Amino acid sequence: PMSTNDYNTLSAAGVGFVHLPFVLGAISVFHSIPNVTDGVGGLNLTSCLLARIFWRNITVWDHPDILAINPNLSSQLPNSSFPITVAHRRLGSSSTASFTAYMNAGCPQFWPADRVKKELSWPADTVECEGSGGMTKCIRDTPGTIGYIDSGHGHSEGLVEIELQNKDGNYLSSKEASARGGIGAAAGGIPGSADMDFGGVDLLNQPGADTWPIVTLSYVYVRKDLSFISQAPEQSLLLTFLRALYEPTYIDQCVELFGFTAAPEGASSVGLSGISLLRVNASAPIWTFELYVLAHIGQGEYVISEKRRTYTELEATGNTGDIATLTTDNENLRILVGELRTQMASVQSHTSAGIVYTEKDADQLRAALVLSALSFTFLAVIVGGGVCFWICSK
């Protein structure tokens, strides 16, 4: 969220705004140790073990402190002293900030506060990976690698998740936590009003039997006074978009496609109440959605519809008849050109035989051939342009 310092600065300048919390994400730790799966019998780690591994104080998977909470691990490893490869994000990222903050919150003796950053100077023998896709490749390509990434991305790539110990001492995966409401449970301490200071909100290492220890919360920041948007319909369109962030029809796509968690009831209530604090022009229209066909109404102004064709699709459909006519004309011209070529051949033969062939006859034949060529070109432009227009508009 916005820091307390920034909040106070804006408030002192008379800039009123709201925090709208709308979706939560879990950060997970994944590995690529051969033969070690997730779930029951998988790998368990604590925040202190993670801190020691990521700072290279522990460099092999059969280290005694790891085996102490994973007694079956040694028999699963390819060999003794199987090396740990540490993967981290190359550039600054929110996942790095959250992961390092979690290790500091759970184990400050091994991960001090000066290592809580978006971008960190990691030990030299670690591997840097760019973006979520790069992190996935780093973990997958080298057996024995450990790395952190947002849970949804890791699961969608089929990576093996490590079960982390939460503040209550329980080991669980983010999937298990999500199924038991443990992602949303981390967001229990947000302020009661969207225009309050959110600088103290902390979703890391929160208590609860099923609470996931590394949770992030995404916000939209909006000024209360929307008069900086000159057009009244655009002001109310923004309100419509913001309300949609709390509608299951829309926000559930983030859940299904990307593995996020919709804001729990308390956070969503704060968000919806915050939207009601926004000031719009009294003439601003109300926007609606056409989720199923509404005769006549669906094609009206200020209706957002997934049932209606776009204007470009309509234009492309309207050209279908014209293109069919041009195709027929083109075929007729092709036949005519063939006949003209036959006549030209006949003329050349007669000329060689002594039959008189005038310049006027030649001009007529040339003109006919030029017109035919232009017709071909015109058809190609119309058909090709229409197809290109339709494709580019998709």
Protein backbone atom coordinates (compact mmCIF):
# COMPACT_ATOMS: atom_id res chain seq x y z
CA PRO A 1 0.00 0.00 0.00
CA MET A 2 0.95 3.67 -0.07
CA SER A 3 3.37 4.52 2.71
CA THR A 4 2.28 6.59 5.70
CA ASN A 5 4.72 9.31 4.68
CA ASP A 6 3.20 9.60 1.17
CA TYR A 7 -0.30 9.48 2.62
CA ASN A 8 0.46 12.35 4.99
CA THR A 9 2.13 14.38 2.22
CA LEU A 10 -0.91 14.08 -0.06
CA SER A 11 -3.33 14.77 2.77
CA ALA A 12 -1.40 17.91 3.73
CA ALA A 13 -1.63 19.06 0.10
CA GLY A 14 -5.41 18.63 0.15
CA VAL A 15 -5.41 15.61 -2.17
CA GLY A 16 -8.06 13.19 -0.96
CA PHE A 17 -7.90 9.65 -2.30
CA VAL A 18 -8.96 6.11 -1.52
CA HIS A 19 -7.25 2.71 -1.36
CA LEU A 20 -9.37 0.04 -3.06
CA PRO A 21 -8.06 -3.46 -2.13
CA PHE A 22 -9.40 -5.93 -4.68
CA VAL A 23 -7.26 -9.06 -5.07
CA LEU A 24 -4.72 -11.06 -3.07
CA GLY A 25 -1.78 -13.09 -4.29
CA ALA A 26 0.34 -15.74 -2.63
CA ILE A 27 4.10 -16.02 -3.07
CA SER A 28 5.36 -19.60 -2.94
CA VAL A 29 8.71 -21.36 -2.96
CA PHE A 30 9.27 -24.11 -5.53
CA HIS A 31 12.04 -26.66 -6.12
CA SER A 32 13.27 -29.17 -8.69
CA ILE A 33 14.75 -31.94 -6.54
CA PRO A 34 14.37 -35.19 -8.49
CA ASN A 35 11.94 -37.74 -7.02
CA VAL A 36 10.57 -35.29 -4.43
CA THR A 37 6.93 -34.40 -5.06
CA ASP A 38 4.63 -31.96 -3.31
CA GLY A 39 1.91 -32.78 -0.81
CA VAL A 40 2.27 -35.61 1.68
CA GLY A 41 5.89 -36.72 1.78
CA GLY A 42 7.03 -33.53 0.10
CA LEU A 43 9.58 -30.98 1.27
CA ASN A 44 8.96 -28.89 4.41
CA LEU A 45 10.92 -25.73 5.21
CA THR A 46 10.84 -22.98 7.84
CA SER A 47 11.58 -19.29 7.35
CA CYS A 48 14.94 -19.76 9.10
CA LEU A 49 15.96 -22.63 6.84
CA LEU A 50 14.96 -20.58 3.81
CA ALA A 51 17.01 -17.62 5.08
CA ARG A 52 20.08 -19.81 5.53
CA ILE A 53 19.61 -21.49 2.14
CA PHE A 54 19.10 -18.26 0.21
CA TRP A 55 22.12 -16.62 1.86
CA ARG A 56 24.18 -19.75 1.10
CA ASN A 57 24.79 -20.79 4.71
CA ILE A 58 23.24 -24.13 3.74
CA THR A 59 24.33 -25.41 0.33
CA VAL A 60 23.30 -29.10 0.18
CA TRP A 61 19.87 -30.72 0.45
CA ASP A 62 20.94 -33.36 2.97
CA HIS A 63 22.10 -30.78 5.52
CA PRO A 64 21.26 -32.11 9.01
CA ASP A 65 18.92 -29.18 9.81
CA ILE A 66 16.87 -29.85 6.66
CA LEU A 67 16.77 -33.59 7.34
CA ALA A 68 15.59 -32.92 10.91
CA ILE A 69 12.14 -31.95 9.57
CA ASN A 70 12.34 -34.07 6.39
CA PRO A 71 13.53 -37.51 7.61
CA ASN A 72 12.74 -39.27 4.32
CA LEU A 73 14.56 -36.77 2.10
CA SER A 74 18.00 -38.38 2.18
CA SER A 75 16.70 -41.62 0.64
CA GLN A 76 15.04 -39.66 -2.17
CA LEU A 77 18.05 -37.59 -3.22
CA PRO A 78 20.09 -38.72 -6.28
CA ASN A 79 23.25 -38.71 -4.19
CA SER A 80 24.66 -37.46 -0.91
CA SER A 81 25.63 -33.79 -0.66
CA PHE A 82 23.22 -33.08 -3.51
CA PRO A 83 23.80 -29.33 -4.18
CA ILE A 84 21.25 -26.56 -3.73
CA THR A 85 21.06 -24.00 -6.53
CA VAL A 86 19.46 -20.72 -5.41
CA ALA A 87 17.45 -18.77 -7.98
CA HIS A 88 16.32 -15.19 -7.44
CA ARG A 89 14.83 -12.38 -9.50
CA ARG A 90 17.37 -10.36 -11.47
CA LEU A 91 15.66 -6.98 -11.25
CA GLY A 92 13.63 -5.40 -8.48
CA SER A 93 10.25 -7.05 -7.96
CA SER A 94 7.40 -7.08 -5.47
CA SER A 95 7.86 -10.84 -5.04
CA THR A 96 11.45 -10.27 -3.90
CA ALA A 97 10.28 -7.57 -1.47
CA SER A 98 7.60 -9.85 -0.02
CA PHE A 99 9.82 -12.92 0.18
CA THR A 100 12.68 -11.11 1.90
CA ALA A 101 10.23 -9.40 4.28
CA TYR A 102 8.78 -12.81 5.18
CA MET A 103 12.21 -14.23 6.02
CA ASN A 104 12.99 -11.18 8.15
CA ALA A 105 9.64 -11.38 9.96
CA GLY A 106 10.06 -15.08 10.71
CA CYS A 107 13.81 -15.25 11.25
CA PRO A 108 15.49 -11.87 11.82
CA GLN A 109 18.58 -13.54 13.27
CA PHE A 110 19.41 -15.04 9.87
CA TRP A 111 17.74 -12.44 7.64
CA PRO A 112 18.24 -8.90 9.05
CA ALA A 113 16.10 -5.92 8.06
CA ASP A 114 18.76 -4.47 5.73
CA ARG A 115 18.14 -7.40 3.37
CA VAL A 116 14.44 -6.58 2.94
CA LYS A 117 14.43 -5.02 -0.52
CA LYS A 118 12.92 -5.24 -3.97
CA GLU A 119 16.42 -5.52 -5.41
CA LEU A 120 19.19 -7.14 -3.40
CA SER A 121 22.90 -7.88 -3.79
CA TRP A 122 22.68 -11.66 -3.58
CA PRO A 123 25.61 -14.01 -2.90
CA ALA A 124 27.81 -14.53 -5.95
CA ASP A 125 27.03 -18.25 -6.41
CA THR A 126 23.27 -17.69 -6.83
CA VAL A 127 21.44 -17.58 -10.17
CA GLU A 128 19.58 -14.49 -11.35
CA CYS A 129 16.39 -14.98 -13.36
CA GLU A 130 14.42 -12.34 -15.21
CA GLY A 131 10.67 -12.24 -14.67
CA SER A 132 8.29 -15.04 -13.71
CA GLY A 133 9.02 -16.90 -16.93
CA GLY A 134 12.74 -16.68 -16.29
CA MET A 135 12.33 -17.95 -12.73
CA THR A 136 10.29 -20.90 -13.99
CA LYS A 137 13.05 -21.79 -16.45
CA CYS A 138 15.77 -21.46 -13.79
CA ILE A 139 13.96 -23.84 -11.44
CA ARG A 140 13.04 -26.32 -14.15
CA ASP A 141 16.36 -26.45 -16.03
CA THR A 142 18.70 -27.27 -13.13
CA PRO A 143 17.79 -30.16 -10.79
CA GLY A 144 18.02 -29.20 -7.15
CA THR A 145 17.11 -25.53 -7.69
CA ILE A 146 14.98 -23.52 -5.27
CA GLY A 147 13.24 -20.25 -6.14
CA TYR A 148 10.26 -18.05 -5.29
CA ILE A 149 7.44 -17.01 -7.59
CA ASP A 150 3.75 -16.11 -7.40
CA SER A 151 1.80 -19.26 -6.60
CA GLY A 152 -0.58 -19.15 -9.54
CA HIS A 153 2.23 -18.93 -12.07
CA GLY A 154 4.20 -21.73 -10.45
CA HIS A 155 1.21 -24.05 -10.31
CA SER A 156 0.23 -23.31 -13.90
CA GLU A 157 3.76 -24.33 -14.95
CA GLY A 158 3.59 -27.58 -12.98
CA LEU A 159 6.38 -26.69 -10.55
CA VAL A 160 6.71 -28.57 -7.27
CA GLU A 161 5.80 -26.43 -4.27
CA ILE A 162 7.51 -26.50 -0.89
CA GLU A 163 5.29 -26.63 2.20
CA LEU A 164 6.14 -23.67 4.43
CA GLN A 165 5.72 -23.36 8.16
CA ASN A 166 3.25 -20.59 9.04
CA LYS A 167 3.20 -18.52 12.21
CA ASP A 168 1.11 -21.11 14.03
CA GLY A 169 3.78 -23.74 13.30
CA ASN A 170 1.82 -25.66 10.68
CA TYR A 171 3.30 -26.83 7.38
CA LEU A 172 1.08 -26.30 4.34
CA SER A 173 1.12 -25.38 0.67
CA SER A 174 -0.52 -22.31 -0.79
CA LYS A 175 -3.07 -24.61 -2.48
CA GLU A 176 -4.05 -26.08 0.87
CA ALA A 177 -4.17 -22.63 2.44
CA SER A 178 -6.35 -21.28 -0.36
CA ALA A 179 -8.81 -24.18 -0.09
CA ARG A 180 -9.21 -23.45 3.63
CA GLY A 181 -9.56 -19.68 3.30
CA GLY A 182 -5.99 -19.12 4.47
CA ILE A 183 -5.08 -16.57 1.80
CA GLY A 184 -7.92 -14.18 2.62
CA ALA A 185 -7.32 -14.73 6.34
CA ALA A 186 -4.09 -12.75 6.07
CA ALA A 187 -6.04 -9.59 5.16
CA GLY A 188 -7.85 -9.22 8.45
CA GLY A 189 -6.04 -6.09 9.62
CA ILE A 190 -6.90 -3.46 7.02
CA PRO A 191 -8.40 -0.08 8.07
CA GLY A 192 -12.15 0.32 8.25
CA SER A 193 -12.37 3.08 5.63
CA ALA A 194 -10.75 3.34 2.20
CA ASP A 195 -9.61 6.94 2.79
CA MET A 196 -7.59 6.07 5.89
CA ASP A 197 -3.83 5.42 6.14
CA PHE A 198 -2.98 1.90 4.90
CA GLY A 199 0.76 2.29 5.54
CA GLY A 200 0.68 -0.13 8.46
CA VAL A 201 -1.07 -2.96 6.60
CA ASP A 202 1.04 -6.12 6.83
CA LEU A 203 -0.10 -9.46 5.37
CA LEU A 204 3.13 -11.38 6.03
CA ASN A 205 3.45 -14.16 8.60
CA GLN A 206 0.01 -13.52 10.08
CA PRO A 207 -1.47 -15.89 12.71
CA GLY A 208 -4.01 -18.58 11.94
CA ALA A 209 -3.95 -22.36 11.61
CA ASP A 210 -4.41 -22.25 7.83
CA THR A 211 -3.04 -18.77 7.07
CA TRP A 212 -0.49 -18.62 4.27
CA PRO A 213 2.63 -16.75 5.45
CA ILE A 214 3.48 -14.79 2.25
CA VAL A 215 0.45 -12.88 0.97
CA THR A 216 0.29 -9.66 -1.05
CA LEU A 217 -2.68 -7.36 -1.56
CA SER A 218 -3.24 -5.33 -4.73
CA TYR A 219 -4.87 -1.89 -4.62
CA VAL A 220 -6.23 0.75 -6.94
CA TYR A 221 -5.56 4.34 -5.78
CA VAL A 222 -8.17 6.87 -6.91
CA ARG A 223 -8.62 10.56 -6.18
CA LYS A 224 -11.91 11.33 -4.48
CA ASP A 225 -12.66 14.27 -6.76
CA LEU A 226 -12.96 12.98 -10.33
CA SER A 227 -13.38 16.42 -11.87
CA PHE A 228 -9.88 16.09 -13.34
CA ILE A 229 -11.61 13.83 -15.88
CA SER A 230 -13.28 16.38 -18.15
CA GLN A 231 -16.00 14.20 -19.68
CA ALA A 232 -18.83 13.19 -17.32
CA PRO A 233 -19.45 9.82 -19.08
CA GLU A 234 -15.80 8.94 -18.55
CA GLN A 235 -16.10 9.69 -14.83
CA SER A 236 -18.99 7.26 -14.42
CA LEU A 237 -17.26 4.73 -16.68
CA LEU A 238 -14.37 4.69 -14.19
CA LEU A 239 -16.84 4.01 -11.37
CA THR A 240 -18.31 1.12 -13.38
CA PHE A 241 -14.85 -0.36 -13.89
CA LEU A 242 -14.02 -0.06 -10.18
CA ARG A 243 -17.28 -1.73 -9.11
CA ALA A 244 -16.58 -4.57 -11.53
CA LEU A 245 -13.43 -5.38 -9.50
CA TYR A 246 -15.77 -6.67 -6.80
CA GLU A 247 -18.17 -8.55 -9.08
CA PRO A 248 -17.54 -12.32 -9.18
CA THR A 249 -18.43 -12.38 -12.89
CA TYR A 250 -15.29 -10.39 -13.64
CA ILE A 251 -12.83 -10.75 -10.78
CA ASP A 252 -13.19 -14.54 -10.76
CA GLN A 253 -11.34 -14.55 -14.07
CA CYS A 254 -8.25 -13.43 -12.15
CA VAL A 255 -8.82 -16.36 -9.80
CA GLU A 256 -9.35 -18.96 -12.51
CA LEU A 257 -6.71 -17.79 -14.99
CA PHE A 258 -3.94 -16.49 -12.72
CA GLY A 259 -4.46 -18.12 -9.33
CA PHE A 260 -5.25 -14.94 -7.41
CA THR A 261 -7.75 -14.73 -4.55
CA ALA A 262 -10.62 -12.26 -4.57
CA ALA A 263 -10.64 -9.82 -1.67
CA PRO A 264 -12.47 -11.33 1.35
CA GLU A 265 -15.71 -9.80 2.56
CA GLY A 266 -14.11 -7.31 4.95
CA ALA A 267 -11.70 -5.94 2.36
CA SER A 268 -14.30 -5.85 -0.42
CA SER A 269 -16.72 -3.95 1.83
CA VAL A 270 -14.03 -1.33 2.45
CA GLY A 271 -13.41 -1.11 -1.30
CA LEU A 272 -17.06 -0.75 -2.27
CA SER A 273 -17.61 1.85 0.44
CA GLY A 274 -14.54 3.69 -0.86
CA ILE A 275 -16.04 3.88 -4.36
CA SER A 276 -19.09 5.61 -2.87
CA LEU A 277 -16.73 8.36 -1.60
CA LEU A 278 -15.77 9.34 -5.16
CA ARG A 279 -17.38 12.52 -6.51
CA VAL A 280 -18.64 12.64 -10.09
CA ASN A 281 -20.51 15.20 -12.19
CA ALA A 282 -24.25 15.11 -11.54
CA SER A 283 -24.85 14.70 -15.30
CA ALA A 284 -22.71 11.55 -15.52
CA PRO A 285 -24.77 8.69 -17.03
CA ILE A 286 -25.09 5.25 -15.52
CA TRP A 287 -23.26 2.52 -17.43
CA THR A 288 -24.69 -0.99 -17.58
CA PHE A 289 -23.53 -4.41 -18.79
CA GLU A 290 -25.32 -6.61 -21.30
CA LEU A 291 -24.48 -10.11 -20.08
CA TYR A 292 -27.31 -11.67 -22.11
CA VAL A 293 -29.11 -10.29 -25.15
CA LEU A 294 -31.33 -7.32 -24.27
CA ALA A 295 -33.35 -6.43 -27.34
CA HIS A 296 -32.93 -2.77 -28.33
CA ILE A 297 -31.46 -1.87 -24.91
CA GLY A 298 -28.20 -3.66 -25.58
CA GLN A 299 -27.38 -1.48 -28.56
CA GLY A 300 -28.00 1.75 -26.70
CA GLU A 301 -25.52 4.26 -25.35
CA TYR A 302 -23.56 3.58 -22.17
CA VAL A 303 -24.01 -0.18 -22.46
CA ILE A 304 -20.96 -2.45 -22.25
CA SER A 305 -21.83 -5.61 -24.15
CA GLU A 306 -20.10 -8.87 -24.93
CA LYS A 307 -23.02 -9.91 -27.12
CA ARG A 308 -22.72 -7.24 -29.82
CA ARG A 309 -20.40 -7.24 -32.80
CA THR A 310 -17.86 -4.48 -33.07
CA TYR A 311 -18.25 -1.84 -35.77
CA THR A 312 -15.30 -3.26 -37.69
CA GLU A 313 -16.90 -6.71 -37.75
CA LEU A 314 -20.13 -5.17 -39.02
CA GLU A 315 -18.25 -3.31 -41.76
CA ALA A 316 -16.44 -6.48 -42.83
CA THR A 317 -19.72 -8.39 -43.03
CA GLY A 318 -21.29 -5.60 -45.09
CA ASN A 319 -18.54 -5.94 -47.70
CA THR A 320 -19.27 -9.63 -48.31
CA GLY A 321 -21.79 -8.98 -51.10
CA ASP A 322 -19.53 -6.45 -52.81
CA ILE A 323 -16.62 -8.86 -52.76
CA ALA A 324 -18.77 -11.64 -54.27
CA THR A 325 -19.86 -9.31 -57.11
CA LEU A 326 -16.27 -8.25 -57.77
CA THR A 327 -15.20 -11.88 -57.84
CA THR A 328 -17.81 -12.64 -60.53
CA ASP A 329 -16.77 -9.59 -62.55
CA ASN A 330 -13.15 -10.65 -62.21
CA GLU A 331 -13.94 -14.07 -63.69
CA ASN A 332 -15.72 -12.43 -66.63
CA LEU A 333 -12.71 -10.17 -67.18
CA ARG A 334 -10.39 -13.16 -67.11
CA ILE A 335 -12.42 -14.76 -69.91
CA LEU A 336 -12.39 -11.50 -71.88
CA VAL A 337 -8.62 -11.18 -71.56
CA GLY A 338 -8.24 -14.71 -72.87
CA GLU A 339 -10.37 -13.84 -75.88
CA LEU A 340 -8.37 -10.67 -76.51
CA ARG A 341 -5.10 -12.56 -76.43
CA THR A 342 -6.52 -15.01 -78.97
CA GLN A 343 -7.49 -12.11 -81.20
CA MET A 344 -4.00 -10.59 -80.87
CA ALA A 345 -2.45 -13.87 -81.94
CA SER A 346 -4.83 -14.04 -84.89
CA VAL A 347 -4.00 -10.46 -85.88
CA GLN A 348 -0.27 -11.18 -85.79
CA SER A 349 -0.84 -14.22 -87.96
CA HIS A 350 -2.93 -12.24 -90.47
CA THR A 351 -0.35 -9.44 -90.56
CA SER A 352 2.36 -11.88 -91.44
CA ALA A 353 0.08 -13.25 -94.16
CA GLY A 354 -0.28 -9.80 -95.73
CA ILE A 355 -3.64 -8.82 -94.28
CA VAL A 356 -3.75 -5.12 -93.37
CA TYR A 357 -3.81 -4.43 -89.58
CA THR A 358 -4.24 -0.71 -88.70
CA GLU A 359 -2.84 1.27 -85.73
CA LYS A 360 -6.44 1.97 -84.65
CA ASP A 361 -7.02 -1.78 -84.21
CA ALA A 362 -3.89 -2.03 -82.07
CA ASP A 363 -4.93 0.91 -79.84
CA GLN A 364 -8.33 -0.69 -79.16
CA LEU A 365 -6.76 -3.97 -78.13
CA ARG A 366 -4.17 -2.24 -75.91
CA ALA A 367 -6.90 -0.18 -74.20
CA ALA A 368 -8.91 -3.32 -73.49
CA LEU A 369 -5.91 -5.07 -71.95
CA VAL A 370 -5.07 -2.04 -69.77
CA LEU A 371 -8.64 -1.84 -68.47
CA SER A 372 -8.56 -5.54 -67.68
CA ALA A 373 -5.30 -5.16 -65.75
CA LEU A 374 -6.70 -2.23 -63.78
CA SER A 375 -9.80 -4.25 -62.90
CA PHE A 376 -7.61 -7.07 -61.57
CA THR A 377 -5.63 -4.60 -59.45
CA PHE A 378 -8.78 -2.93 -58.13
CA LEU A 379 -10.20 -6.29 -57.08
CA ALA A 380 -6.99 -7.26 -55.30
CA VAL A 381 -6.98 -3.96 -53.37
CA ILE A 382 -10.64 -4.29 -52.35
CA VAL A 383 -10.45 -7.93 -51.31
CA GLY A 384 -7.01 -7.72 -49.71
CA GLY A 385 -7.79 -4.44 -47.95
CA GLY A 386 -11.08 -5.77 -46.63
CA VAL A 387 -9.47 -8.91 -45.26
CA CYS A 388 -6.61 -6.92 -43.72
CA PHE A 389 -9.06 -4.45 -42.19
CA TRP A 390 -11.04 -7.31 -40.64
CA ILE A 391 -7.98 -9.12 -39.28
CA CYS A 392 -6.29 -6.01 -37.88
CA SER A 393 -9.46 -4.99 -36.12
CA LYS A 394 -9.67 -8.28 -34.25
